[in-house]
Amino acid sequence: MKKIGILIIALCMCHPVFSQESEKEIPEARNEIKVNLLMTLFSFPDISFERIWANNLGLGLSVGFPIESINTNFRILPYLRFYFGENETKSFFIDANLAFEGYKKYSYYFYSSYGDYRSETKNELDFGLGVAFGYKYVNSKGLIGELFLGLGRTFDRNQIYPRVGIAIGKQF
């Protein structure tokens, strides 16, 4: 009986030592890379990189380009995201973005005396501001699922650009 009592006391004394070793702080993953599947279906693939600065703040960059020939050549969107909620794996967010959009500008010149015309195409750059809101889920292995919806408006052309997506990605 004494041997069993001593063994139980020894195990109880060693248990806190082992539990302290397993509670090492693991550095959190603060970088994310994501692919917007919804915009890929609409022939405008979108890839994003985001750095989480705090539990409620992230700074990211999204780059999109058309697969098919449309007026837009590319879209670069730096964004600032504010997360709401205490759980880091599930959060609602609002993001504010600034758009840099390259586009094709067409000009047509008509010559009335001959009835001929000439066309000219130039590549131009436009800027815009937008906002979006959404929901992000991160599982225990660092896989990300994201849904978001928003709009923006360009300054020069005064056109609306979408900020929508169903994105998947990975934290590292």
Protein backbone atom coordinates (compact mmCIF):
# COMPACT_ATOMS: atom_id res chain seq x y z
CA MET A 1 0.00 0.00 0.00
CA LYS A 2 2.89 2.36 0.81
CA LYS A 3 4.42 1.69 -2.61
CA ILE A 4 1.17 2.58 -4.41
CA GLY A 5 0.80 5.78 -2.33
CA ILE A 6 4.39 6.83 -3.09
CA LEU A 7 3.85 6.07 -6.80
CA ILE A 8 0.66 8.19 -6.90
CA ILE A 9 2.41 11.10 -5.13
CA ALA A 10 5.38 10.85 -7.52
CA LEU A 11 3.08 10.85 -10.57
CA CYS A 12 1.15 13.84 -9.23
CA MET A 13 4.41 15.75 -8.73
CA CYS A 14 5.68 14.92 -12.25
CA HIS A 15 2.41 15.76 -14.00
CA PRO A 16 2.81 19.58 -13.78
CA VAL A 17 6.35 19.27 -15.18
CA PHE A 18 5.13 17.40 -18.26
CA SER A 19 2.15 19.67 -18.77
CA GLN A 20 4.37 22.76 -18.76
CA GLU A 21 6.47 21.35 -21.60
CA SER A 22 3.41 20.76 -23.78
CA GLU A 23 2.13 24.31 -23.23
CA LYS A 24 4.90 26.01 -25.21
CA GLU A 25 3.72 29.02 -27.09
CA ILE A 26 3.45 28.23 -30.77
CA PRO A 27 3.88 31.27 -33.02
CA GLU A 28 0.62 32.13 -34.75
CA ALA A 29 0.31 32.13 -38.52
CA ARG A 30 -0.02 35.76 -39.57
CA ASN A 31 0.15 35.50 -43.37
CA GLU A 32 -2.60 34.31 -45.68
CA ILE A 33 -2.78 33.57 -49.40
CA LYS A 34 -6.19 33.12 -51.05
CA VAL A 35 -7.74 32.46 -54.46
CA ASN A 36 -11.14 33.94 -55.30
CA LEU A 37 -13.05 31.09 -56.95
CA LEU A 38 -16.13 33.15 -57.81
CA MET A 39 -14.22 35.72 -59.87
CA THR A 40 -12.34 32.86 -61.56
CA LEU A 41 -15.70 31.51 -62.77
CA PHE A 42 -16.34 34.94 -64.32
CA SER A 43 -12.97 34.80 -66.17
CA PHE A 44 -11.29 37.32 -63.85
CA PRO A 45 -9.00 35.31 -61.48
CA ASP A 46 -8.15 37.08 -58.26
CA ILE A 47 -5.27 36.17 -55.91
CA SER A 48 -4.88 37.82 -52.49
CA PHE A 49 -2.19 38.07 -49.85
CA GLU A 50 -3.10 39.32 -46.38
CA ARG A 51 -1.01 40.04 -43.30
CA ILE A 52 -2.86 39.98 -39.98
CA TRP A 53 -1.45 42.78 -37.81
CA ALA A 54 -3.68 42.31 -34.77
CA ASN A 55 -6.67 40.17 -33.83
CA ASN A 56 -8.98 42.73 -35.39
CA LEU A 57 -6.91 44.24 -38.23
CA GLY A 58 -5.49 42.95 -41.50
CA LEU A 59 -3.72 44.55 -44.46
CA GLY A 60 -3.86 42.87 -47.85
CA LEU A 61 -3.26 43.09 -51.57
CA SER A 62 -5.49 41.53 -54.21
CA VAL A 63 -4.41 41.16 -57.86
CA GLY A 64 -6.84 40.26 -60.64
CA PHE A 65 -6.50 39.93 -64.39
CA PRO A 66 -8.93 38.94 -67.16
CA ILE A 67 -8.64 35.66 -69.03
CA GLU A 68 -10.87 36.81 -71.87
CA SER A 69 -10.40 40.08 -73.72
CA ILE A 70 -12.35 42.80 -71.94
CA ASN A 71 -11.68 46.51 -71.42
CA THR A 72 -9.96 45.97 -68.07
CA ASN A 73 -6.32 44.82 -68.31
CA PHE A 74 -5.72 44.28 -64.58
CA ARG A 75 -6.95 45.33 -61.14
CA ILE A 76 -4.76 45.77 -58.06
CA LEU A 77 -6.64 46.32 -54.79
CA PRO A 78 -4.79 47.11 -51.57
CA TYR A 79 -7.25 46.73 -48.71
CA LEU A 80 -7.54 47.28 -44.96
CA ARG A 81 -9.76 44.85 -43.10
CA PHE A 82 -11.42 45.30 -39.72
CA TYR A 83 -12.52 42.06 -38.02
CA PHE A 84 -15.39 41.86 -35.54
CA GLY A 85 -15.72 39.05 -33.04
CA GLU A 86 -13.67 37.54 -30.27
CA ASN A 87 -13.06 34.21 -32.00
CA GLU A 88 -10.07 34.43 -34.38
CA THR A 89 -11.22 31.45 -36.44
CA LYS A 90 -14.67 32.81 -37.26
CA SER A 91 -15.16 36.53 -37.87
CA PHE A 92 -17.19 39.07 -39.72
CA PHE A 93 -15.22 41.83 -41.40
CA ILE A 94 -15.47 45.11 -43.27
CA ASP A 95 -12.77 46.06 -45.73
CA ALA A 96 -11.96 49.37 -47.34
CA ASN A 97 -10.06 49.16 -50.61
CA LEU A 98 -8.28 51.36 -53.12
CA ALA A 99 -8.33 50.19 -56.74
CA PHE A 100 -5.66 50.63 -59.40
CA GLU A 101 -7.22 49.53 -62.65
CA GLY A 102 -5.56 49.36 -66.04
CA TYR A 103 -7.96 49.62 -68.96
CA LYS A 104 -8.09 50.10 -72.72
CA LYS A 105 -9.31 53.48 -73.97
CA TYR A 106 -10.64 53.54 -77.50
CA SER A 107 -10.71 56.70 -79.63
CA TYR A 108 -12.36 57.00 -83.03
CA TYR A 109 -11.65 59.73 -85.54
CA PHE A 110 -14.02 60.32 -88.46
CA TYR A 111 -13.02 62.03 -91.66
CA SER A 112 -16.20 63.51 -93.10
CA SER A 113 -14.84 64.40 -96.53
CA TYR A 114 -13.85 60.81 -97.34
CA GLY A 115 -16.18 58.90 -95.03
CA ASP A 116 -13.22 57.05 -93.50
CA TYR A 117 -12.40 56.68 -89.86
CA ARG A 118 -9.40 55.77 -87.80
CA SER A 119 -9.39 54.12 -84.38
CA GLU A 120 -6.78 54.31 -81.68
CA THR A 121 -6.35 52.26 -78.51
CA LYS A 122 -4.44 53.49 -75.45
CA ASN A 123 -3.74 51.77 -72.14
CA GLU A 124 -4.80 54.01 -69.26
CA LEU A 125 -4.75 53.79 -65.43
CA ASP A 126 -7.74 54.58 -63.23
CA PHE A 127 -8.12 54.78 -59.45
CA GLY A 128 -11.09 54.02 -57.26
CA LEU A 129 -12.38 53.51 -53.73
CA GLY A 130 -14.61 50.74 -52.45
CA VAL A 131 -15.94 48.87 -49.46
CA ALA A 132 -16.93 45.26 -48.80
CA PHE A 133 -18.18 43.14 -45.93
CA GLY A 134 -17.93 39.42 -45.38
CA TYR A 135 -17.23 36.40 -43.21
CA LYS A 136 -14.02 34.40 -42.76
CA TYR A 137 -13.55 30.93 -41.27
CA VAL A 138 -10.15 29.38 -40.46
CA ASN A 139 -9.93 25.72 -39.42
CA SER A 140 -7.33 24.21 -37.08
CA LYS A 141 -4.99 23.31 -39.98
CA GLY A 142 -4.93 26.89 -41.28
CA LEU A 143 -7.26 26.41 -44.25
CA ILE A 144 -9.37 29.48 -44.98
CA GLY A 145 -12.86 29.91 -46.37
CA GLU A 146 -14.15 33.39 -47.08
CA LEU A 147 -17.34 34.98 -48.41
CA PHE A 148 -17.50 38.70 -49.19
CA LEU A 149 -19.59 41.23 -51.11
CA GLY A 150 -18.95 44.87 -51.95
CA LEU A 151 -18.64 47.59 -54.56
CA GLY A 152 -16.30 50.37 -55.55
CA ARG A 153 -16.30 53.29 -57.96
CA THR A 154 -13.49 54.49 -60.20
CA PHE A 155 -12.70 58.21 -60.43
CA ASP A 156 -11.80 58.77 -64.09
CA ARG A 157 -14.35 56.54 -65.86
CA ASN A 158 -16.92 56.78 -63.05
CA GLN A 159 -17.65 53.06 -63.29
CA ILE A 160 -18.57 50.56 -60.61
CA TYR A 161 -16.29 47.59 -59.97
CA PRO A 162 -17.35 44.51 -57.99
CA ARG A 163 -15.65 43.29 -54.84
CA VAL A 164 -17.27 39.87 -54.49
CA GLY A 165 -15.93 36.45 -53.81
CA ILE A 166 -15.89 32.96 -52.49
CA ALA A 167 -12.24 32.48 -51.62
CA ILE A 168 -10.20 29.60 -50.28
CA GLY A 169 -6.66 29.76 -49.00
CA LYS A 170 -4.03 28.88 -46.42
CA GLN A 171 -2.48 30.59 -43.40
CA PHE A 172 1.26 30.32 -42.89
